[in-house]
Amino acid sequence: MNTETFFFVNLNNGALQLLREIPTLDSVPFPTDDNATDCVENTLNFLGVITKNQASMLQACTKYETPKSFILELLKKRYSNYSFFERGQPFSFLIDNDNLPLNTATFVGLLTSPPGRGHAVIFVKDNVGNLYLVDRQQRVKFLYKDIEKYLSFMGYDQNLVMLYFASNSEEYQLLGDKRKRYIFPSLRKQKDNPESKVQKIYGGKKNTKNKSRKNKSRKNKSRKNKSRKNKKRRYDM
């Protein structure tokens, strides 16, 4: 049975405690680090998709921004039984459809309008039903009533955010990889060739020259042997 589900993770006590320690703001502007580029790594680390060390290594490799394909690959590596894909939704999707149970969080990709830059944040429903937008990179969080201020101040589009979904069907196995997959035949073990001639493995005519030479030499040997026998017979008479 093919099932598609909205991606979210359950928050353990450690994550909830970390969430409490992040200051809640109800006003903007707020102090921001414009040079920070590790929003994806911080978000995936908070959600338990990658460890802190993996986040540091990934940031060292990408330096400026993490490609979307990396996010899908990391999700797939963490949850190997599922395929993952992005889908654009209005921000209201997170609220109106009541997709998040208590004590859960999900990855949200914010986009500017018009599109130009993106930012990774976490949308949380805590153990008592409070809704937060957590910016782990800037180390701030906003209650639901203040999220609109945050989005507006940062220039993000409320009508289009990138959310992640998971599927255990084969329908999404090739998303992000539209290259044709060819099945190559297995190579046969090549025999040693003392004459350093490359033998053809696939197709083509067989090399019959060497065989014909061998056959001729064999015939010549048999003729010589016959002639020797005939000579012996003559002397024996």
C-alpha atoms as a PDB file:
ATOM      1  CA  MET A   1       0.000   0.000   0.000  1.00  0.00           C
ATOM      2  CA  ASN A   2       1.444   3.356  -1.034  1.00  0.00           C
ATOM      3  CA  THR A   3       1.273   6.035   1.638  1.00  0.00           C
ATOM      4  CA  GLU A   4       2.320   9.661   1.590  1.00  0.00           C
ATOM      5  CA  THR A   5       2.829  11.528   4.832  1.00  0.00           C
ATOM      6  CA  PHE A   6       3.803  14.993   5.989  1.00  0.00           C
ATOM      7  CA  PHE A   7       7.300  14.890   7.464  1.00  0.00           C
ATOM      8  CA  PHE A   8       7.673  15.669  11.156  1.00  0.00           C
ATOM      9  CA  VAL A   9       9.679  14.316  14.084  1.00  0.00           C
ATOM     10  CA  ASN A  10       8.813  13.695  17.710  1.00  0.00           C
ATOM     11  CA  LEU A  11      10.629  15.950  20.168  1.00  0.00           C
ATOM     12  CA  ASN A  12      12.379  14.323  23.100  1.00  0.00           C
ATOM     13  CA  ASN A  13      12.986  15.962  26.459  1.00  0.00           C
ATOM     14  CA  GLY A  14      16.355  17.318  25.349  1.00  0.00           C
ATOM     15  CA  ALA A  15      14.849  19.057  22.325  1.00  0.00           C
ATOM     16  CA  LEU A  16      12.019  20.502  24.412  1.00  0.00           C
ATOM     17  CA  GLN A  17      14.508  21.810  26.950  1.00  0.00           C
ATOM     18  CA  LEU A  18      16.580  23.391  24.165  1.00  0.00           C
ATOM     19  CA  LEU A  19      13.401  24.952  22.819  1.00  0.00           C
ATOM     20  CA  ARG A  20      12.672  26.540  26.215  1.00  0.00           C
ATOM     21  CA  GLU A  21      16.153  28.048  26.335  1.00  0.00           C
ATOM     22  CA  ILE A  22      15.722  29.882  23.019  1.00  0.00           C
ATOM     23  CA  PRO A  23      14.435  33.409  23.743  1.00  0.00           C
ATOM     24  CA  THR A  24      10.903  34.203  22.624  1.00  0.00           C
ATOM     25  CA  LEU A  25      10.560  37.538  20.866  1.00  0.00           C
ATOM     26  CA  ASP A  26       7.380  39.461  20.254  1.00  0.00           C
ATOM     27  CA  SER A  27       8.820  42.328  18.272  1.00  0.00           C
ATOM     28  CA  VAL A  28      11.005  43.064  15.289  1.00  0.00           C
ATOM     29  CA  PRO A  29      13.579  44.150  14.317  1.00  0.00           C
ATOM     30  CA  PHE A  30      15.855  41.843  16.272  1.00  0.00           C
ATOM     31  CA  PRO A  31      19.629  41.297  16.202  1.00  0.00           C
ATOM     32  CA  THR A  32      20.577  39.137  13.229  1.00  0.00           C
ATOM     33  CA  ASP A  33      23.823  37.593  12.049  1.00  0.00           C
ATOM     34  CA  ASP A  34      23.878  38.395   8.335  1.00  0.00           C
ATOM     35  CA  ASN A  35      27.054  36.371   7.785  1.00  0.00           C
ATOM     36  CA  ALA A  36      25.637  33.115   9.104  1.00  0.00           C
ATOM     37  CA  THR A  37      25.008  30.449   6.435  1.00  0.00           C
ATOM     38  CA  ASP A  38      24.266  27.357   8.535  1.00  0.00           C
ATOM     39  CA  CYS A  39      20.475  27.519   8.783  1.00  0.00           C
ATOM     40  CA  VAL A  40      19.947  24.137   7.085  1.00  0.00           C
ATOM     41  CA  GLU A  41      22.537  22.397   9.236  1.00  0.00           C
ATOM     42  CA  ASN A  42      21.114  23.866  12.469  1.00  0.00           C
ATOM     43  CA  THR A  43      17.584  22.896  11.473  1.00  0.00           C
ATOM     44  CA  LEU A  44      18.453  19.322  10.498  1.00  0.00           C
ATOM     45  CA  ASN A  45      20.492  18.914  13.670  1.00  0.00           C
ATOM     46  CA  PHE A  46      17.603  20.086  15.868  1.00  0.00           C
ATOM     47  CA  LEU A  47      15.277  17.633  14.107  1.00  0.00           C
ATOM     48  CA  GLY A  48      17.701  14.765  14.691  1.00  0.00           C
ATOM     49  CA  VAL A  49      18.355  14.136  11.003  1.00  0.00           C
ATOM     50  CA  ILE A  50      22.101  14.764  11.409  1.00  0.00           C
ATOM     51  CA  THR A  51      24.402  15.017  14.409  1.00  0.00           C
ATOM     52  CA  LYS A  52      26.200  18.160  15.526  1.00  0.00           C
ATOM     53  CA  ASN A  53      29.485  16.849  14.093  1.00  0.00           C
ATOM     54  CA  GLN A  54      27.819  16.035  10.780  1.00  0.00           C
ATOM     55  CA  ALA A  55      26.345  19.540  10.716  1.00  0.00           C
ATOM     56  CA  SER A  56      29.810  21.058  11.194  1.00  0.00           C
ATOM     57  CA  MET A  57      31.311  18.882   8.465  1.00  0.00           C
ATOM     58  CA  LEU A  58      28.490  19.708   6.059  1.00  0.00           C
ATOM     59  CA  GLN A  59      28.847  23.427   6.709  1.00  0.00           C
ATOM     60  CA  ALA A  60      32.590  23.199   6.122  1.00  0.00           C
ATOM     61  CA  CYS A  61      31.934  21.571   2.736  1.00  0.00           C
ATOM     62  CA  THR A  62      29.178  23.864   1.503  1.00  0.00           C
ATOM     63  CA  LYS A  63      30.364  27.138   3.170  1.00  0.00           C
ATOM     64  CA  TYR A  64      27.735  29.381   1.621  1.00  0.00           C
ATOM     65  CA  GLU A  65      24.527  27.439   1.113  1.00  0.00           C
ATOM     66  CA  THR A  66      23.320  23.877   1.210  1.00  0.00           C
ATOM     67  CA  PRO A  67      21.723  22.669  -2.056  1.00  0.00           C
ATOM     68  CA  LYS A  68      18.174  21.319  -1.877  1.00  0.00           C
ATOM     69  CA  SER A  69      19.394  17.975  -3.190  1.00  0.00           C
ATOM     70  CA  PHE A  70      21.576  17.608  -0.064  1.00  0.00           C
ATOM     71  CA  ILE A  71      18.521  17.973   2.163  1.00  0.00           C
ATOM     72  CA  LEU A  72      16.684  15.218   0.325  1.00  0.00           C
ATOM     73  CA  GLU A  73      19.755  12.972   0.441  1.00  0.00           C
ATOM     74  CA  LEU A  74      20.228  13.484   4.184  1.00  0.00           C
ATOM     75  CA  LEU A  75      16.560  12.765   4.893  1.00  0.00           C
ATOM     76  CA  LYS A  76      16.751   9.615   2.766  1.00  0.00           C
ATOM     77  CA  LYS A  77      19.918   8.499   4.543  1.00  0.00           C
ATOM     78  CA  ARG A  78      18.302   8.986   7.943  1.00  0.00           C
ATOM     79  CA  TYR A  79      15.025   7.282   6.984  1.00  0.00           C
ATOM     80  CA  SER A  80      16.037   4.757   4.355  1.00  0.00           C
ATOM     81  CA  ASN A  81      12.587   3.172   3.988  1.00  0.00           C
ATOM     82  CA  TYR A  82      11.127   6.375   2.557  1.00  0.00           C
ATOM     83  CA  SER A  83      11.581   8.655  -0.405  1.00  0.00           C
ATOM     84  CA  PHE A  84      11.374  12.400   0.234  1.00  0.00           C
ATOM     85  CA  PHE A  85      10.199  15.284  -1.889  1.00  0.00           C
ATOM     86  CA  GLU A  86       9.499  18.997  -1.548  1.00  0.00           C
ATOM     87  CA  ARG A  87       6.157  20.611  -2.060  1.00  0.00           C
ATOM     88  CA  GLY A  88       5.272  24.295  -2.062  1.00  0.00           C
ATOM     89  CA  GLN A  89       2.393  25.217   0.262  1.00  0.00           C
ATOM     90  CA  PRO A  90       1.032  28.390   1.847  1.00  0.00           C
ATOM     91  CA  PHE A  91       2.181  28.888   5.429  1.00  0.00           C
ATOM     92  CA  SER A  92      -1.421  28.399   6.560  1.00  0.00           C
ATOM     93  CA  PHE A  93      -1.073  24.712   5.632  1.00  0.00           C
ATOM     94  CA  LEU A  94       0.773  24.190   8.902  1.00  0.00           C
ATOM     95  CA  ILE A  95      -2.186  25.500  10.895  1.00  0.00           C
ATOM     96  CA  ASP A  96      -5.403  24.990   8.971  1.00  0.00           C
ATOM     97  CA  ASN A  97      -4.904  21.290   8.369  1.00  0.00           C
ATOM     98  CA  ASP A  98      -3.648  20.607  11.886  1.00  0.00           C
ATOM     99  CA  ASN A  99      -0.877  18.424  10.518  1.00  0.00           C
ATOM    100  CA  LEU A 100       1.354  18.456  13.588  1.00  0.00           C
ATOM    101  CA  PRO A 101       0.578  16.375  16.681  1.00  0.00           C
ATOM    102  CA  LEU A 102       1.757  17.542  20.108  1.00  0.00           C
ATOM    103  CA  ASN A 103       5.512  17.401  20.760  1.00  0.00           C
ATOM    104  CA  THR A 104       6.512  17.456  17.091  1.00  0.00           C
ATOM    105  CA  ALA A 105       8.446  19.692  14.719  1.00  0.00           C
ATOM    106  CA  THR A 106       9.001  19.972  10.975  1.00  0.00           C
ATOM    107  CA  PHE A 107      11.388  21.539   8.472  1.00  0.00           C
ATOM    108  CA  VAL A 108      10.169  24.713   6.750  1.00  0.00           C
ATOM    109  CA  GLY A 109      11.941  26.382   3.843  1.00  0.00           C
ATOM    110  CA  LEU A 110      11.136  30.095   3.641  1.00  0.00           C
ATOM    111  CA  LEU A 111      11.437  31.969   0.350  1.00  0.00           C
ATOM    112  CA  THR A 112      11.583  35.659  -0.435  1.00  0.00           C
ATOM    113  CA  SER A 113       9.041  37.276  -2.728  1.00  0.00           C
ATOM    114  CA  PRO A 114      10.095  37.618  -5.494  1.00  0.00           C
ATOM    115  CA  PRO A 115      12.302  34.517  -5.122  1.00  0.00           C
ATOM    116  CA  GLY A 116      15.910  35.364  -4.451  1.00  0.00           C
ATOM    117  CA  ARG A 117      17.026  33.748  -1.221  1.00  0.00           C
ATOM    118  CA  GLY A 118      15.811  31.071   1.153  1.00  0.00           C
ATOM    119  CA  HIS A 119      16.042  30.268   4.825  1.00  0.00           C
ATOM    120  CA  ALA A 120      15.505  27.095   6.845  1.00  0.00           C
ATOM    121  CA  VAL A 121      13.484  27.269  10.083  1.00  0.00           C
ATOM    122  CA  ILE A 122      11.564  24.900  12.340  1.00  0.00           C
ATOM    123  CA  PHE A 123       7.853  24.889  12.972  1.00  0.00           C
ATOM    124  CA  VAL A 124       6.966  23.391  16.355  1.00  0.00           C
ATOM    125  CA  LYS A 125       3.934  22.330  18.302  1.00  0.00           C
ATOM    126  CA  ASP A 126       5.031  21.797  21.911  1.00  0.00           C
ATOM    127  CA  ASN A 127       3.605  19.462  24.533  1.00  0.00           C
ATOM    128  CA  VAL A 128       0.762  21.839  25.428  1.00  0.00           C
ATOM    129  CA  GLY A 129      -0.120  22.869  21.869  1.00  0.00           C
ATOM    130  CA  ASN A 130       1.785  26.149  21.582  1.00  0.00           C
ATOM    131  CA  LEU A 131       2.940  26.900  18.033  1.00  0.00           C
ATOM    132  CA  TYR A 132       6.408  28.339  17.429  1.00  0.00           C
ATOM    133  CA  LEU A 133       8.541  29.314  14.516  1.00  0.00           C
ATOM    134  CA  VAL A 134      12.114  28.655  15.607  1.00  0.00           C
ATOM    135  CA  ASP A 135      15.056  30.272  13.853  1.00  0.00           C
ATOM    136  CA  ARG A 136      17.952  28.190  15.136  1.00  0.00           C
ATOM    137  CA  GLN A 137      20.505  30.160  13.171  1.00  0.00           C
ATOM    138  CA  GLN A 138      19.508  33.466  14.737  1.00  0.00           C
ATOM    139  CA  ARG A 139      18.691  31.785  18.084  1.00  0.00           C
ATOM    140  CA  VAL A 140      15.201  33.249  18.390  1.00  0.00           C
ATOM    141  CA  LYS A 141      11.664  31.876  18.342  1.00  0.00           C
ATOM    142  CA  PHE A 142       8.277  33.454  17.741  1.00  0.00           C
ATOM    143  CA  LEU A 143       4.873  32.413  18.985  1.00  0.00           C
ATOM    144  CA  TYR A 144       2.263  31.906  16.290  1.00  0.00           C
ATOM    145  CA  LYS A 145       0.700  35.336  16.854  1.00  0.00           C
ATOM    146  CA  ASP A 146       4.061  36.989  16.115  1.00  0.00           C
ATOM    147  CA  ILE A 147       5.159  34.810  13.191  1.00  0.00           C
ATOM    148  CA  GLU A 148       3.580  37.107  10.630  1.00  0.00           C
ATOM    149  CA  LYS A 149       5.718  40.008  11.913  1.00  0.00           C
ATOM    150  CA  TYR A 150       8.840  37.898  11.546  1.00  0.00           C
ATOM    151  CA  LEU A 151       8.005  36.792   7.997  1.00  0.00           C
ATOM    152  CA  SER A 152       7.117  40.318   6.909  1.00  0.00           C
ATOM    153  CA  PHE A 153      10.223  41.868   8.463  1.00  0.00           C
ATOM    154  CA  MET A 154      12.518  39.288   6.838  1.00  0.00           C
ATOM    155  CA  GLY A 155      10.783  39.602   3.474  1.00  0.00           C
ATOM    156  CA  TYR A 156       9.531  36.010   3.273  1.00  0.00           C
ATOM    157  CA  ASP A 157       6.489  34.922   1.306  1.00  0.00           C
ATOM    158  CA  GLN A 158       3.620  33.669   3.476  1.00  0.00           C
ATOM    159  CA  ASN A 159       1.863  32.211   0.450  1.00  0.00           C
ATOM    160  CA  LEU A 160       4.672  29.869  -0.528  1.00  0.00           C
ATOM    161  CA  VAL A 161       6.883  27.875   1.825  1.00  0.00           C
ATOM    162  CA  MET A 162       8.694  24.613   1.053  1.00  0.00           C
ATOM    163  CA  LEU A 163       7.579  21.644   3.123  1.00  0.00           C
ATOM    164  CA  TYR A 164       8.800  18.068   3.075  1.00  0.00           C
ATOM    165  CA  PHE A 165       6.798  14.922   2.554  1.00  0.00           C
ATOM    166  CA  ALA A 166       7.690  11.243   2.690  1.00  0.00           C
ATOM    167  CA  SER A 167       6.456   8.305   0.700  1.00  0.00           C
ATOM    168  CA  ASN A 168       7.116   4.581   0.889  1.00  0.00           C
ATOM    169  CA  SER A 169       5.979   4.016  -2.692  1.00  0.00           C
ATOM    170  CA  GLU A 170       8.201   3.741  -5.749  1.00  0.00           C
ATOM    171  CA  GLU A 171       6.445   6.709  -7.316  1.00  0.00           C
ATOM    172  CA  TYR A 172       8.952   9.188  -5.888  1.00  0.00           C
ATOM    173  CA  GLN A 173      12.076   7.055  -6.081  1.00  0.00           C
ATOM    174  CA  LEU A 174      13.447   8.911  -9.095  1.00  0.00           C
ATOM    175  CA  LEU A 175      12.490  12.452  -8.100  1.00  0.00           C
ATOM    176  CA  GLY A 176      15.549  14.647  -8.387  1.00  0.00           C
ATOM    177  CA  ASP A 177      17.235  12.013 -10.562  1.00  0.00           C
ATOM    178  CA  LYS A 178      15.636  11.974 -13.995  1.00  0.00           C
ATOM    179  CA  ARG A 179      18.608  10.326 -15.661  1.00  0.00           C
ATOM    180  CA  LYS A 180      17.888   7.026 -17.317  1.00  0.00           C
ATOM    181  CA  ARG A 181      19.194   4.061 -15.418  1.00  0.00           C
ATOM    182  CA  TYR A 182      20.814   1.552 -17.725  1.00  0.00           C
ATOM    183  CA  ILE A 183      21.457  -2.019 -16.681  1.00  0.00           C
ATOM    184  CA  PHE A 184      24.956  -2.902 -17.800  1.00  0.00           C
ATOM    185  CA  PRO A 185      25.877  -6.538 -18.425  1.00  0.00           C
ATOM    186  CA  SER A 186      28.505  -7.929 -16.112  1.00  0.00           C
ATOM    187  CA  LEU A 187      32.002  -8.086 -17.606  1.00  0.00           C
ATOM    188  CA  ARG A 188      33.561 -11.447 -18.114  1.00  0.00           C
ATOM    189  CA  LYS A 189      37.016 -12.019 -16.756  1.00  0.00           C
ATOM    190  CA  GLN A 190      39.574 -11.283 -19.458  1.00  0.00           C
ATOM    191  CA  LYS A 191      42.138 -13.993 -20.131  1.00  0.00           C
ATOM    192  CA  ASP A 192      45.839 -13.247 -20.263  1.00  0.00           C
ATOM    193  CA  ASN A 193      47.010 -12.426 -23.774  1.00  0.00           C
ATOM    194  CA  PRO A 194      50.765 -12.920 -24.215  1.00  0.00           C
ATOM    195  CA  GLU A 195      50.699 -10.974 -27.482  1.00  0.00           C
ATOM    196  CA  SER A 196      49.195  -7.944 -25.650  1.00  0.00           C
ATOM    197  CA  LYS A 197      46.212  -7.895 -27.966  1.00  0.00           C
ATOM    198  CA  VAL A 198      42.962  -6.616 -26.516  1.00  0.00           C
ATOM    199  CA  GLN A 199      40.236  -9.186 -26.865  1.00  0.00           C
ATOM    200  CA  LYS A 200      36.742  -8.035 -27.774  1.00  0.00           C
ATOM    201  CA  ILE A 201      34.168  -8.777 -25.093  1.00  0.00           C
ATOM    202  CA  TYR A 202      30.969  -7.511 -26.696  1.00  0.00           C
ATOM    203  CA  GLY A 203      29.940  -8.050 -30.306  1.00  0.00           C
ATOM    204  CA  GLY A 204      32.168  -8.124 -33.375  1.00  0.00           C
ATOM    205  CA  LYS A 205      33.578 -11.063 -35.295  1.00  0.00           C
ATOM    206  CA  LYS A 206      35.747 -13.588 -33.598  1.00  0.00           C
ATOM    207  CA  ASN A 207      39.415 -13.440 -34.441  1.00  0.00           C
ATOM    208  CA  THR A 208      39.857 -16.537 -36.615  1.00  0.00           C
ATOM    209  CA  LYS A 209      43.331 -15.703 -37.981  1.00  0.00           C
ATOM    210  CA  ASN A 210      45.227 -17.233 -35.100  1.00  0.00           C
ATOM    211  CA  LYS A 211      43.037 -20.341 -35.225  1.00  0.00           C
ATOM    212  CA  SER A 212      43.636 -20.789 -38.945  1.00  0.00           C
ATOM    213  CA  ARG A 213      47.403 -20.427 -38.427  1.00  0.00           C
ATOM    214  CA  LYS A 214      47.341 -23.026 -35.678  1.00  0.00           C
ATOM    215  CA  ASN A 215      45.325 -25.387 -37.846  1.00  0.00           C
ATOM    216  CA  LYS A 216      47.796 -24.949 -40.735  1.00  0.00           C
ATOM    217  CA  SER A 217      50.765 -25.637 -38.467  1.00  0.00           C
ATOM    218  CA  ARG A 218      49.048 -28.752 -37.176  1.00  0.00           C
ATOM    219  CA  LYS A 219      48.429 -29.952 -40.741  1.00  0.00           C
ATOM    220  CA  ASN A 220      52.055 -29.286 -41.663  1.00  0.00           C
ATOM    221  CA  LYS A 221      53.242 -31.277 -38.626  1.00  0.00           C
ATOM    222  CA  SER A 222      51.003 -34.188 -39.546  1.00  0.00           C
ATOM    223  CA  ARG A 223      52.374 -34.136 -43.127  1.00  0.00           C
ATOM    224  CA  LYS A 224      55.967 -34.165 -41.826  1.00  0.00           C
ATOM    225  CA  ASN A 225      55.172 -37.056 -39.550  1.00  0.00           C
ATOM    226  CA  LYS A 226      53.638 -38.973 -42.448  1.00  0.00           C
ATOM    227  CA  SER A 227      56.661 -38.325 -44.611  1.00  0.00           C
ATOM    228  CA  ARG A 228      58.945 -39.556 -41.820  1.00  0.00           C
ATOM    229  CA  LYS A 229      56.933 -42.724 -41.480  1.00  0.00           C
ATOM    230  CA  ASN A 230      57.031 -43.265 -45.204  1.00  0.00           C
ATOM    231  CA  LYS A 231      60.835 -42.846 -45.188  1.00  0.00           C
ATOM    232  CA  LYS A 232      61.209 -45.396 -42.405  1.00  0.00           C
ATOM    233  CA  ARG A 233      59.036 -47.820 -44.265  1.00  0.00           C
ATOM    234  CA  ARG A 234      61.160 -47.481 -47.398  1.00  0.00           C
ATOM    235  CA  TYR A 235      64.351 -48.295 -45.519  1.00  0.00           C
ATOM    236  CA  ASP A 236      62.748 -51.195 -43.756  1.00  0.00           C
ATOM    237  CA  MET A 237      61.783 -52.930 -46.985  1.00  0.00           C
END
